[in-house]
Amino acid sequence: MAKILIAAHIDVEPAQRDACLKSAQPFIDGALSQNGCLRYSWGADLNLPGRIIVFEEWTDEDSLARHFKGDHYAGMRDHIADYGLIDSISAKYRVDAESPVYNADGLPTPAFG
């Protein structure tokens, strides 16, 4: 079964970004506690003062569907709106192959397998 990755960015008022990030921890922890959530993180984009980068990894579509219907997702959505949401873009990806970036010799490689 393929994993699902979500890559997103959220733009809020630059003066509000740090407060938005710090106070989002309950929603992040809540998502991480859900079955099927492998990774769920938010971070500041150091190149754009109001941008938050989001990365998620889920085991399958059913787990992601439960997340979208749950309180943690709804709370996170409302939380972001409280901090002056300007824009957001997100995409989900099904991963059909996975391999380390570095090979046995410690060199980065674009090859899978």
PDB file of N, CA and C in Angstrom:
ATOM      1  N   MET A   1       0.849  -1.180   0.000  1.00  0.00           N
ATOM      2  CA  MET A   1       0.000   0.000   0.000  1.00  0.00           C
ATOM      3  C   MET A   1       0.898   1.248   0.000  1.00  0.00           C
ATOM      4  N   ALA A   2       0.544   2.227  -0.795  1.00  0.00           N
ATOM      5  CA  ALA A   2       1.337   3.444  -0.928  1.00  0.00           C
ATOM      6  C   ALA A   2       1.067   4.395   0.237  1.00  0.00           C
ATOM      7  N   LYS A   3       2.124   5.036   0.718  1.00  0.00           N
ATOM      8  CA  LYS A   3       1.975   6.094   1.713  1.00  0.00           C
ATOM      9  C   LYS A   3       1.447   7.344   1.032  1.00  0.00           C
ATOM     10  N   ILE A   4       0.953   8.260   1.842  1.00  0.00           N
ATOM     11  CA  ILE A   4       0.485   9.546   1.337  1.00  0.00           C
ATOM     12  C   ILE A   4       1.298  10.647   2.008  1.00  0.00           C
ATOM     13  N   LEU A   5       1.822  11.545   1.192  1.00  0.00           N
ATOM     14  CA  LEU A   5       2.518  12.725   1.694  1.00  0.00           C
ATOM     15  C   LEU A   5       1.678  13.951   1.378  1.00  0.00           C
ATOM     16  N   ILE A   6       1.689  14.902   2.289  1.00  0.00           N
ATOM     17  CA  ILE A   6       1.056  16.193   2.047  1.00  0.00           C
ATOM     18  C   ILE A   6       2.125  17.252   2.238  1.00  0.00           C
ATOM     19  N   ALA A   7       2.250  18.099   1.242  1.00  0.00           N
ATOM     20  CA  ALA A   7       3.158  19.245   1.305  1.00  0.00           C
ATOM     21  C   ALA A   7       2.302  20.490   1.136  1.00  0.00           C
ATOM     22  N   ALA A   8       2.464  21.429   2.047  1.00  0.00           N
ATOM     23  CA  ALA A   8       1.623  22.622   2.010  1.00  0.00           C
ATOM     24  C   ALA A   8       2.386  23.831   2.512  1.00  0.00           C
ATOM     25  N   HIS A   9       1.865  24.978   2.160  1.00  0.00           N
ATOM     26  CA  HIS A   9       2.307  26.198   2.831  1.00  0.00           C
ATOM     27  C   HIS A   9       1.075  27.031   3.163  1.00  0.00           C
ATOM     28  N   ILE A  10       1.196  27.714   4.272  1.00  0.00           N
ATOM     29  CA  ILE A  10       0.122  28.559   4.786  1.00  0.00           C
ATOM     30  C   ILE A  10       0.725  29.939   4.994  1.00  0.00           C
ATOM     31  N   ASP A  11       0.099  30.945   4.425  1.00  0.00           N
ATOM     32  CA  ASP A  11       0.559  32.316   4.618  1.00  0.00           C
ATOM     33  C   ASP A  11      -0.380  33.031   5.578  1.00  0.00           C
ATOM     34  N   VAL A  12       0.204  33.569   6.647  1.00  0.00           N
ATOM     35  CA  VAL A  12      -0.533  34.371   7.618  1.00  0.00           C
ATOM     36  C   VAL A  12       0.157  35.730   7.710  1.00  0.00           C
ATOM     37  N   GLU A  13      -0.456  36.630   8.435  1.00  0.00           N
ATOM     38  CA  GLU A  13       0.186  37.929   8.656  1.00  0.00           C
ATOM     39  C   GLU A  13       1.570  37.689   9.266  1.00  0.00           C
ATOM     40  N   PRO A  14       2.626  38.264   8.699  1.00  0.00           N
ATOM     41  CA  PRO A  14       3.981  38.000   9.202  1.00  0.00           C
ATOM     42  C   PRO A  14       4.150  38.228  10.705  1.00  0.00           C
ATOM     43  N   ALA A  15       3.509  39.242  11.230  1.00  0.00           N
ATOM     44  CA  ALA A  15       3.629  39.519  12.669  1.00  0.00           C
ATOM     45  C   ALA A  15       2.956  38.447  13.515  1.00  0.00           C
ATOM     46  N   GLN A  16       2.106  37.617  12.912  1.00  0.00           N
ATOM     47  CA  GLN A  16       1.363  36.592  13.635  1.00  0.00           C
ATOM     48  C   GLN A  16       1.938  35.179  13.487  1.00  0.00           C
ATOM     49  N   ARG A  17       2.908  35.008  12.575  1.00  0.00           N
ATOM     50  CA  ARG A  17       3.369  33.652  12.268  1.00  0.00           C
ATOM     51  C   ARG A  17       3.907  32.911  13.493  1.00  0.00           C
ATOM     52  N   ASP A  18       4.791  33.530  14.265  1.00  0.00           N
ATOM     53  CA  ASP A  18       5.394  32.816  15.397  1.00  0.00           C
ATOM     54  C   ASP A  18       4.349  32.419  16.429  1.00  0.00           C
ATOM     55  N   ALA A  19       3.411  33.306  16.698  1.00  0.00           N
ATOM     56  CA  ALA A  19       2.344  32.976  17.657  1.00  0.00           C
ATOM     57  C   ALA A  19       1.472  31.854  17.113  1.00  0.00           C
ATOM     58  N   CYS A  20       1.190  31.890  15.820  1.00  0.00           N
ATOM     59  CA  CYS A  20       0.385  30.832  15.197  1.00  0.00           C
ATOM     60  C   CYS A  20       1.098  29.487  15.317  1.00  0.00           C
ATOM     61  N   LEU A  21       2.381  29.465  15.034  1.00  0.00           N
ATOM     62  CA  LEU A  21       3.155  28.225  15.136  1.00  0.00           C
ATOM     63  C   LEU A  21       3.175  27.690  16.566  1.00  0.00           C
ATOM     64  N   LYS A  22       3.494  28.550  17.521  1.00  0.00           N
ATOM     65  CA  LYS A  22       3.617  28.104  18.919  1.00  0.00           C
ATOM     66  C   LYS A  22       2.291  27.590  19.473  1.00  0.00           C
ATOM     67  N   SER A  23       1.214  28.253  19.145  1.00  0.00           N
ATOM     68  CA  SER A  23      -0.079  27.858  19.714  1.00  0.00           C
ATOM     69  C   SER A  23      -0.748  26.726  18.929  1.00  0.00           C
ATOM     70  N   ALA A  24      -0.124  26.284  17.842  1.00  0.00           N
ATOM     71  CA  ALA A  24      -0.667  25.174  17.054  1.00  0.00           C
ATOM     72  C   ALA A  24      -0.279  23.809  17.616  1.00  0.00           C
ATOM     73  N   GLN A  25       0.583  23.773  18.604  1.00  0.00           N
ATOM     74  CA  GLN A  25       1.110  22.499  19.100  1.00  0.00           C
ATOM     75  C   GLN A  25       0.030  21.491  19.489  1.00  0.00           C
ATOM     76  N   PRO A  26      -1.065  21.883  20.129  1.00  0.00           N
ATOM     77  CA  PRO A  26      -2.103  20.881  20.449  1.00  0.00           C
ATOM     78  C   PRO A  26      -2.692  20.202  19.212  1.00  0.00           C
ATOM     79  N   PHE A  27      -2.816  20.937  18.124  1.00  0.00           N
ATOM     80  CA  PHE A  27      -3.365  20.351  16.894  1.00  0.00           C
ATOM     81  C   PHE A  27      -2.339  19.428  16.232  1.00  0.00           C
ATOM     82  N   ILE A  28      -1.081  19.828  16.289  1.00  0.00           N
ATOM     83  CA  ILE A  28      -0.001  18.993  15.748  1.00  0.00           C
ATOM     84  C   ILE A  28       0.096  17.703  16.554  1.00  0.00           C
ATOM     85  N   ASP A  29       0.131  17.835  17.879  1.00  0.00           N
ATOM     86  CA  ASP A  29       0.186  16.650  18.738  1.00  0.00           C
ATOM     87  C   ASP A  29      -1.035  15.763  18.534  1.00  0.00           C
ATOM     88  N   GLY A  30      -2.192  16.379  18.358  1.00  0.00           N
ATOM     89  CA  GLY A  30      -3.411  15.612  18.128  1.00  0.00           C
ATOM     90  C   GLY A  30      -3.332  14.802  16.846  1.00  0.00           C
ATOM     91  N   ALA A  31      -2.847  15.415  15.783  1.00  0.00           N
ATOM     92  CA  ALA A  31      -2.699  14.686  14.524  1.00  0.00           C
ATOM     93  C   ALA A  31      -1.704  13.547  14.690  1.00  0.00           C
ATOM     94  N   LEU A  32      -0.592  13.818  15.353  1.00  0.00           N
ATOM     95  CA  LEU A  32       0.428  12.785  15.552  1.00  0.00           C
ATOM     96  C   LEU A  32      -0.086  11.607  16.375  1.00  0.00           C
ATOM     97  N   SER A  33      -1.104  11.826  17.181  1.00  0.00           N
ATOM     98  CA  SER A  33      -1.656  10.751  18.005  1.00  0.00           C
ATOM     99  C   SER A  33      -2.619   9.849  17.229  1.00  0.00           C
ATOM    100  N   GLN A  34      -2.988  10.243  16.028  1.00  0.00           N
ATOM    101  CA  GLN A  34      -3.977   9.489  15.261  1.00  0.00           C
ATOM    102  C   GLN A  34      -3.338   8.271  14.585  1.00  0.00           C
ATOM    103  N   ASN A  35      -4.107   7.191  14.534  1.00  0.00           N
ATOM    104  CA  ASN A  35      -3.638   6.001  13.836  1.00  0.00           C
ATOM    105  C   ASN A  35      -3.370   6.350  12.382  1.00  0.00           C
ATOM    106  N   GLY A  36      -2.231   5.924  11.886  1.00  0.00           N
ATOM    107  CA  GLY A  36      -1.873   6.150  10.499  1.00  0.00           C
ATOM    108  C   GLY A  36      -1.066   7.395  10.242  1.00  0.00           C
ATOM    109  N   CYS A  37      -0.917   8.257  11.234  1.00  0.00           N
ATOM    110  CA  CYS A  37      -0.106   9.463  11.061  1.00  0.00           C
ATOM    111  C   CYS A  37       1.342   9.131  11.406  1.00  0.00           C
ATOM    112  N   LEU A  38       2.204   9.230  10.420  1.00  0.00           N
ATOM    113  CA  LEU A  38       3.624   8.938  10.630  1.00  0.00           C
ATOM    114  C   LEU A  38       4.426  10.204  10.921  1.00  0.00           C
ATOM    115  N   ARG A  39       4.048  11.301  10.278  1.00  0.00           N
ATOM    116  CA  ARG A  39       4.714  12.586  10.484  1.00  0.00           C
ATOM    117  C   ARG A  39       3.695  13.698  10.268  1.00  0.00           C
ATOM    118  N   TYR A  40       3.843  14.741  11.067  1.00  0.00           N
ATOM    119  CA  TYR A  40       2.966  15.908  10.944  1.00  0.00           C
ATOM    120  C   TYR A  40       3.734  17.066  11.566  1.00  0.00           C
ATOM    121  N   SER A  41       4.247  17.941  10.725  1.00  0.00           N
ATOM    122  CA  SER A  41       5.060  19.021  11.291  1.00  0.00           C
ATOM    123  C   SER A  41       4.776  20.344  10.589  1.00  0.00           C
ATOM    124  N   TRP A  42       4.929  21.401  11.363  1.00  0.00           N
ATOM    125  CA  TRP A  42       4.831  22.764  10.875  1.00  0.00           C
ATOM    126  C   TRP A  42       6.150  23.444  11.171  1.00  0.00           C
ATOM    127  N   GLY A  43       6.588  24.306  10.278  1.00  0.00           N
ATOM    128  CA  GLY A  43       7.809  25.066  10.512  1.00  0.00           C
ATOM    129  C   GLY A  43       7.744  26.400   9.797  1.00  0.00           C
ATOM    130  N   ALA A  44       8.574  27.319  10.251  1.00  0.00           N
ATOM    131  CA  ALA A  44       8.647  28.643   9.640  1.00  0.00           C
ATOM    132  C   ALA A  44       9.493  28.578   8.374  1.00  0.00           C
ATOM    133  N   ASP A  45       9.017  29.171   7.310  1.00  0.00           N
ATOM    134  CA  ASP A  45       9.817  29.336   6.100  1.00  0.00           C
ATOM    135  C   ASP A  45      10.715  30.546   6.346  1.00  0.00           C
ATOM    136  N   LEU A  46      11.999  30.335   6.413  1.00  0.00           N
ATOM    137  CA  LEU A  46      12.927  31.412   6.759  1.00  0.00           C
ATOM    138  C   LEU A  46      13.121  32.415   5.628  1.00  0.00           C
ATOM    139  N   ASN A  47      12.583  32.122   4.452  1.00  0.00           N
ATOM    140  CA  ASN A  47      12.692  33.057   3.328  1.00  0.00           C
ATOM    141  C   ASN A  47      11.489  33.981   3.195  1.00  0.00           C
ATOM    142  N   LEU A  48      10.372  33.597   3.783  1.00  0.00           N
ATOM    143  CA  LEU A  48       9.151  34.400   3.698  1.00  0.00           C
ATOM    144  C   LEU A  48       8.577  34.587   5.096  1.00  0.00           C
ATOM    145  N   PRO A  49       8.506  35.806   5.591  1.00  0.00           N
ATOM    146  CA  PRO A  49       8.163  36.061   6.996  1.00  0.00           C
ATOM    147  C   PRO A  49       6.802  35.582   7.471  1.00  0.00           C
ATOM    148  N   GLY A  50       5.826  35.434   6.595  1.00  0.00           N
ATOM    149  CA  GLY A  50       4.509  35.001   7.035  1.00  0.00           C
ATOM    150  C   GLY A  50       4.170  33.567   6.668  1.00  0.00           C
ATOM    151  N   ARG A  51       5.129  32.834   6.132  1.00  0.00           N
ATOM    152  CA  ARG A  51       4.828  31.497   5.602  1.00  0.00           C
ATOM    153  C   ARG A  51       5.146  30.393   6.604  1.00  0.00           C
ATOM    154  N   ILE A  52       4.214  29.455   6.696  1.00  0.00           N
ATOM    155  CA  ILE A  52       4.358  28.231   7.485  1.00  0.00           C
ATOM    156  C   ILE A  52       4.400  27.067   6.505  1.00  0.00           C
ATOM    157  N   ILE A  53       5.383  26.197   6.669  1.00  0.00           N
ATOM    158  CA  ILE A  53       5.509  25.016   5.828  1.00  0.00           C
ATOM    159  C   ILE A  53       4.926  23.834   6.604  1.00  0.00           C
ATOM    160  N   VAL A  54       4.114  23.035   5.930  1.00  0.00           N
ATOM    161  CA  VAL A  54       3.485  21.869   6.557  1.00  0.00           C
ATOM    162  C   VAL A  54       3.919  20.620   5.797  1.00  0.00           C
ATOM    163  N   PHE A  55       4.295  19.593   6.547  1.00  0.00           N
ATOM    164  CA  PHE A  55       4.642  18.300   5.959  1.00  0.00           C
ATOM    165  C   PHE A  55       3.916  17.224   6.743  1.00  0.00           C
ATOM    166  N   GLU A  56       3.235  16.337   6.024  1.00  0.00           N
ATOM    167  CA  GLU A  56       2.513  15.231   6.656  1.00  0.00           C
ATOM    168  C   GLU A  56       2.840  13.934   5.922  1.00  0.00           C
ATOM    169  N   GLU A  57       2.828  12.845   6.674  1.00  0.00           N
ATOM    170  CA  GLU A  57       2.975  11.518   6.078  1.00  0.00           C
ATOM    171  C   GLU A  57       1.967  10.595   6.739  1.00  0.00           C
ATOM    172  N   TRP A  58       1.160   9.919   5.903  1.00  0.00           N
ATOM    173  CA  TRP A  58       0.091   9.040   6.368  1.00  0.00           C
ATOM    174  C   TRP A  58       0.274   7.657   5.769  1.00  0.00           C
ATOM    175  N   THR A  59      -0.148   6.650   6.504  1.00  0.00           N
ATOM    176  CA  THR A  59       0.016   5.279   6.033  1.00  0.00           C
ATOM    177  C   THR A  59      -0.923   4.941   4.882  1.00  0.00           C
ATOM    178  N   ASP A  60      -2.120   5.566   4.840  1.00  0.00           N
ATOM    179  CA  ASP A  60      -3.092   5.188   3.816  1.00  0.00           C
ATOM    180  C   ASP A  60      -4.222   6.216   3.745  1.00  0.00           C
ATOM    181  N   GLU A  61      -5.071   6.068   2.732  1.00  0.00           N
ATOM    182  CA  GLU A  61      -6.181   6.991   2.524  1.00  0.00           C
ATOM    183  C   GLU A  61      -7.207   6.950   3.653  1.00  0.00           C
ATOM    184  N   ASP A  62      -7.465   5.775   4.207  1.00  0.00           N
ATOM    185  CA  ASP A  62      -8.441   5.675   5.298  1.00  0.00           C
ATOM    186  C   ASP A  62      -8.004   6.495   6.505  1.00  0.00           C
ATOM    187  N   SER A  63      -6.730   6.433   6.833  1.00  0.00           N
ATOM    188  CA  SER A  63      -6.214   7.220   7.968  1.00  0.00           C
ATOM    189  C   SER A  63      -6.344   8.708   7.704  1.00  0.00           C
ATOM    190  N   LEU A  64      -6.010   9.117   6.498  1.00  0.00           N
ATOM    191  CA  LEU A  64      -6.130  10.530   6.149  1.00  0.00           C
ATOM    192  C   LEU A  64      -7.596  10.967   6.162  1.00  0.00           C
ATOM    193  N   ALA A  65      -8.493  10.115   5.692  1.00  0.00           N
ATOM    194  CA  ALA A  65      -9.922  10.439   5.708  1.00  0.00           C
ATOM    195  C   ALA A  65     -10.422  10.639   7.140  1.00  0.00           C
ATOM    196  N   ARG A  66      -9.990   9.772   8.053  1.00  0.00           N
ATOM    197  CA  ARG A  66     -10.387   9.930   9.469  1.00  0.00           C
ATOM    198  C   ARG A  66      -9.854  11.256  10.026  1.00  0.00           C
ATOM    199  N   HIS A  67      -8.638  11.598   9.660  1.00  0.00           N
ATOM    200  CA  HIS A  67      -8.053  12.868  10.116  1.00  0.00           C
ATOM    201  C   HIS A  67      -8.899  14.044   9.628  1.00  0.00           C
ATOM    202  N   PHE A  68      -9.269  14.042   8.345  1.00  0.00           N
ATOM    203  CA  PHE A  68     -10.051  15.146   7.785  1.00  0.00           C
ATOM    204  C   PHE A  68     -11.413  15.288   8.450  1.00  0.00           C
ATOM    205  N   LYS A  69     -11.956  14.217   8.994  1.00  0.00           N
ATOM    206  CA  LYS A  69     -13.267  14.254   9.659  1.00  0.00           C
ATOM    207  C   LYS A  69     -13.167  14.542  11.153  1.00  0.00           C
ATOM    208  N   GLY A  70     -11.947  14.597  11.677  1.00  0.00           N
ATOM    209  CA  GLY A  70     -11.763  14.679  13.122  1.00  0.00           C
ATOM    210  C   GLY A  70     -11.640  16.086  13.685  1.00  0.00           C
ATOM    211  N   ASP A  71     -11.654  16.140  15.007  1.00  0.00           N
ATOM    212  CA  ASP A  71     -11.566  17.407  15.737  1.00  0.00           C
ATOM    213  C   ASP A  71     -10.228  18.110  15.556  1.00  0.00           C
ATOM    214  N   HIS A  72      -9.142  17.358  15.441  1.00  0.00           N
ATOM    215  CA  HIS A  72      -7.818  17.993  15.306  1.00  0.00           C
ATOM    216  C   HIS A  72      -7.723  18.777  14.003  1.00  0.00           C
ATOM    217  N   TYR A  73      -8.259  18.211  12.934  1.00  0.00           N
ATOM    218  CA  TYR A  73      -8.235  18.908  11.645  1.00  0.00           C
ATOM    219  C   TYR A  73      -9.119  20.153  11.693  1.00  0.00           C
ATOM    220  N   ALA A  74     -10.321  20.015  12.196  1.00  0.00           N
ATOM    221  CA  ALA A  74     -11.239  21.157  12.283  1.00  0.00           C
ATOM    222  C   ALA A  74     -10.652  22.249  13.170  1.00  0.00           C
ATOM    223  N   GLY A  75     -10.055  21.854  14.285  1.00  0.00           N
ATOM    224  CA  GLY A  75      -9.448  22.828  15.187  1.00  0.00           C
ATOM    225  C   GLY A  75      -8.281  23.548  14.540  1.00  0.00           C
ATOM    226  N   MET A  76      -7.468  22.810  13.788  1.00  0.00           N
ATOM    227  CA  MET A  76      -6.328  23.405  13.104  1.00  0.00           C
ATOM    228  C   MET A  76      -6.804  24.416  12.061  1.00  0.00           C
ATOM    229  N   ARG A  77      -7.817  24.062  11.315  1.00  0.00           N
ATOM    230  CA  ARG A  77      -8.357  24.958  10.287  1.00  0.00           C
ATOM    231  C   ARG A  77      -8.856  26.263  10.926  1.00  0.00           C
ATOM    232  N   ASP A  78      -9.588  26.147  12.021  1.00  0.00           N
ATOM    233  CA  ASP A  78     -10.089  27.332  12.712  1.00  0.00           C
ATOM    234  C   ASP A  78      -8.954  28.137  13.333  1.00  0.00           C
ATOM    235  N   HIS A  79      -7.967  27.437  13.853  1.00  0.00           N
ATOM    236  CA  HIS A  79      -6.804  28.085  14.460  1.00  0.00           C
ATOM    237  C   HIS A  79      -6.089  28.982  13.450  1.00  0.00           C
ATOM    238  N   ILE A  80      -5.852  28.469  12.272  1.00  0.00           N
ATOM    239  CA  ILE A  80      -5.155  29.248  11.245  1.00  0.00           C
ATOM    240  C   ILE A  80      -5.962  30.492  10.882  1.00  0.00           C
ATOM    241  N   ALA A  81      -7.252  30.366  10.776  1.00  0.00           N
ATOM    242  CA  ALA A  81      -8.105  31.513  10.429  1.00  0.00           C
ATOM    243  C   ALA A  81      -7.973  32.630  11.462  1.00  0.00           C
ATOM    244  N   ASP A  82      -7.723  32.266  12.716  1.00  0.00           N
ATOM    245  CA  ASP A  82      -7.581  33.259  13.784  1.00  0.00           C
ATOM    246  C   ASP A  82      -6.315  34.098  13.656  1.00  0.00           C
ATOM    247  N   TYR A  83      -5.377  33.678  12.823  1.00  0.00           N
ATOM    248  CA  TYR A  83      -4.095  34.372  12.700  1.00  0.00           C
ATOM    249  C   TYR A  83      -3.934  35.098  11.369  1.00  0.00           C
ATOM    250  N   GLY A  84      -5.026  35.433  10.745  1.00  0.00           N
ATOM    251  CA  GLY A  84      -4.974  36.245   9.541  1.00  0.00           C
ATOM    252  C   GLY A  84      -4.542  35.473   8.308  1.00  0.00           C
ATOM    253  N   LEU A  85      -5.239  34.395   8.015  1.00  0.00           N
ATOM    254  CA  LEU A  85      -4.929  33.594   6.831  1.00  0.00           C
ATOM    255  C   LEU A  85      -4.963  34.472   5.580  1.00  0.00           C
ATOM    256  N   ILE A  86      -3.879  34.444   4.840  1.00  0.00           N
ATOM    257  CA  ILE A  86      -3.779  35.184   3.589  1.00  0.00           C
ATOM    258  C   ILE A  86      -3.939  34.237   2.403  1.00  0.00           C
ATOM    259  N   ASP A  87      -3.275  33.089   2.475  1.00  0.00           N
ATOM    260  CA  ASP A  87      -3.286  32.143   1.366  1.00  0.00           C
ATOM    261  C   ASP A  87      -2.830  30.786   1.880  1.00  0.00           C
ATOM    262  N   SER A  88      -3.203  29.755   1.157  1.00  0.00           N
ATOM    263  CA  SER A  88      -2.659  28.430   1.462  1.00  0.00           C
ATOM    264  C   SER A  88      -2.711  27.590   0.195  1.00  0.00           C
ATOM    265  N   ILE A  89      -1.713  26.761   0.056  1.00  0.00           N
ATOM    266  CA  ILE A  89      -1.640  25.838  -1.071  1.00  0.00           C
ATOM    267  C   ILE A  89      -1.191  24.500  -0.509  1.00  0.00           C
ATOM    268  N   SER A  90      -1.902  23.446  -0.891  1.00  0.00           N
ATOM    269  CA  SER A  90      -1.516  22.120  -0.424  1.00  0.00           C
ATOM    270  C   SER A  90      -1.718  21.108  -1.539  1.00  0.00           C
ATOM    271  N   ALA A  91      -0.936  20.053  -1.469  1.00  0.00           N
ATOM    272  CA  ALA A  91      -1.062  18.957  -2.436  1.00  0.00           C
ATOM    273  C   ALA A  91      -0.760  17.660  -1.704  1.00  0.00           C
ATOM    274  N   LYS A  92      -1.419  16.600  -2.153  1.00  0.00           N
ATOM    275  CA  LYS A  92      -1.149  15.274  -1.587  1.00  0.00           C
ATOM    276  C   LYS A  92      -0.543  14.398  -2.676  1.00  0.00           C
ATOM    277  N   TYR A  93       0.312  13.479  -2.246  1.00  0.00           N
ATOM    278  CA  TYR A  93       1.031  12.610  -3.174  1.00  0.00           C
ATOM    279  C   TYR A  93       0.958  11.178  -2.664  1.00  0.00           C
ATOM    280  N   ARG A  94       0.683  10.241  -3.548  1.00  0.00           N
ATOM    281  CA  ARG A  94       0.798   8.818  -3.219  1.00  0.00           C
ATOM    282  C   ARG A  94       2.203   8.399  -3.590  1.00  0.00           C
ATOM    283  N   VAL A  95       2.882   7.762  -2.666  1.00  0.00           N
ATOM    284  CA  VAL A  95       4.271   7.382  -2.868  1.00  0.00           C
ATOM    285  C   VAL A  95       4.331   5.916  -3.278  1.00  0.00           C
ATOM    286  N   ASP A  96       4.836   5.671  -4.478  1.00  0.00           N
ATOM    287  CA  ASP A  96       4.924   4.294  -4.965  1.00  0.00           C
ATOM    288  C   ASP A  96       6.326   3.713  -4.816  1.00  0.00           C
ATOM    289  N   ALA A  97       7.294   4.536  -4.469  1.00  0.00           N
ATOM    290  CA  ALA A  97       8.659   4.047  -4.252  1.00  0.00           C
ATOM    291  C   ALA A  97       9.320   4.910  -3.184  1.00  0.00           C
ATOM    292  N   GLU A  98      10.181   4.283  -2.411  1.00  0.00           N
ATOM    293  CA  GLU A  98      10.887   5.002  -1.356  1.00  0.00           C
ATOM    294  C   GLU A  98      12.293   4.433  -1.267  1.00  0.00           C
ATOM    295  N   SER A  99      13.269   5.315  -1.100  1.00  0.00           N
ATOM    296  CA  SER A  99      14.657   4.890  -1.030  1.00  0.00           C
ATOM    297  C   SER A  99      15.451   5.977  -0.313  1.00  0.00           C
ATOM    298  N   PRO A 100      16.537   5.629   0.351  1.00  0.00           N
ATOM    299  CA  PRO A 100      17.362   6.650   0.998  1.00  0.00           C
ATOM    300  C   PRO A 100      17.955   7.613  -0.032  1.00  0.00           C
ATOM    301  N   VAL A 101      18.208   8.822   0.372  1.00  0.00           N
ATOM    302  CA  VAL A 101      18.849   9.800  -0.494  1.00  0.00           C
ATOM    303  C   VAL A 101      20.315   9.430  -0.701  1.00  0.00           C
ATOM    304  N   TYR A 102      20.964   8.936   0.361  1.00  0.00           N
ATOM    305  CA  TYR A 102      22.389   8.619   0.301  1.00  0.00           C
ATOM    306  C   TYR A 102      22.596   7.123   0.131  1.00  0.00           C
ATOM    307  N   ASN A 103      23.509   6.747  -0.763  1.00  0.00           N
ATOM    308  CA  ASN A 103      23.791   5.327  -0.992  1.00  0.00           C
ATOM    309  C   ASN A 103      24.765   4.796   0.046  1.00  0.00           C
ATOM    310  N   ALA A 104      25.188   3.556  -0.093  1.00  0.00           N
ATOM    311  CA  ALA A 104      26.082   2.911   0.879  1.00  0.00           C
ATOM    312  C   ALA A 104      27.427   3.613   1.001  1.00  0.00           C
ATOM    313  N   ASP A 105      27.817   4.362  -0.027  1.00  0.00           N
ATOM    314  CA  ASP A 105      29.066   5.120   0.007  1.00  0.00           C
ATOM    315  C   ASP A 105      28.903   6.517   0.566  1.00  0.00           C
ATOM    316  N   GLY A 106      27.675   6.851   0.996  1.00  0.00           N
ATOM    317  CA  GLY A 106      27.411   8.174   1.566  1.00  0.00           C
ATOM    318  C   GLY A 106      27.211   9.268   0.530  1.00  0.00           C
ATOM    319  N   LEU A 107      26.948   8.874  -0.723  1.00  0.00           N
ATOM    320  CA  LEU A 107      26.766   9.848  -1.784  1.00  0.00           C
ATOM    321  C   LEU A 107      25.278   9.989  -2.116  1.00  0.00           C
ATOM    322  N   PRO A 108      24.828  11.207  -2.396  1.00  0.00           N
ATOM    323  CA  PRO A 108      23.429  11.377  -2.767  1.00  0.00           C
ATOM    324  C   PRO A 108      23.188  10.787  -4.149  1.00  0.00           C
ATOM    325  N   THR A 109      22.034  10.148  -4.310  1.00  0.00           N
ATOM    326  CA  THR A 109      21.713   9.540  -5.588  1.00  0.00           C
ATOM    327  C   THR A 109      20.237   9.732  -5.903  1.00  0.00           C
ATOM    328  N   PRO A 110      19.905  10.017  -7.174  1.00  0.00           N
ATOM    329  CA  PRO A 110      18.501  10.150  -7.546  1.00  0.00           C
ATOM    330  C   PRO A 110      17.826   8.804  -7.786  1.00  0.00           C
ATOM    331  N   ALA A 111      18.594   7.734  -7.808  1.00  0.00           N
ATOM    332  CA  ALA A 111      18.058   6.409  -8.137  1.00  0.00           C
ATOM    333  C   ALA A 111      17.267   5.826  -6.966  1.00  0.00           C
ATOM    334  N   PHE A 112      16.270   5.013  -7.311  1.00  0.00           N
ATOM    335  CA  PHE A 112      15.513   4.263  -6.322  1.00  0.00           C
ATOM    336  C   PHE A 112      15.980   2.820  -6.378  1.00  0.00           C
ATOM    337  N   GLY A 113      16.263   2.277  -5.188  1.00  0.00           N
ATOM    338  CA  GLY A 113      16.662   0.879  -5.122  1.00  0.00           C
ATOM    339  C   GLY A 113      18.134   0.648  -5.199  1.00  0.00           C
TER     340      GLY A 113
END
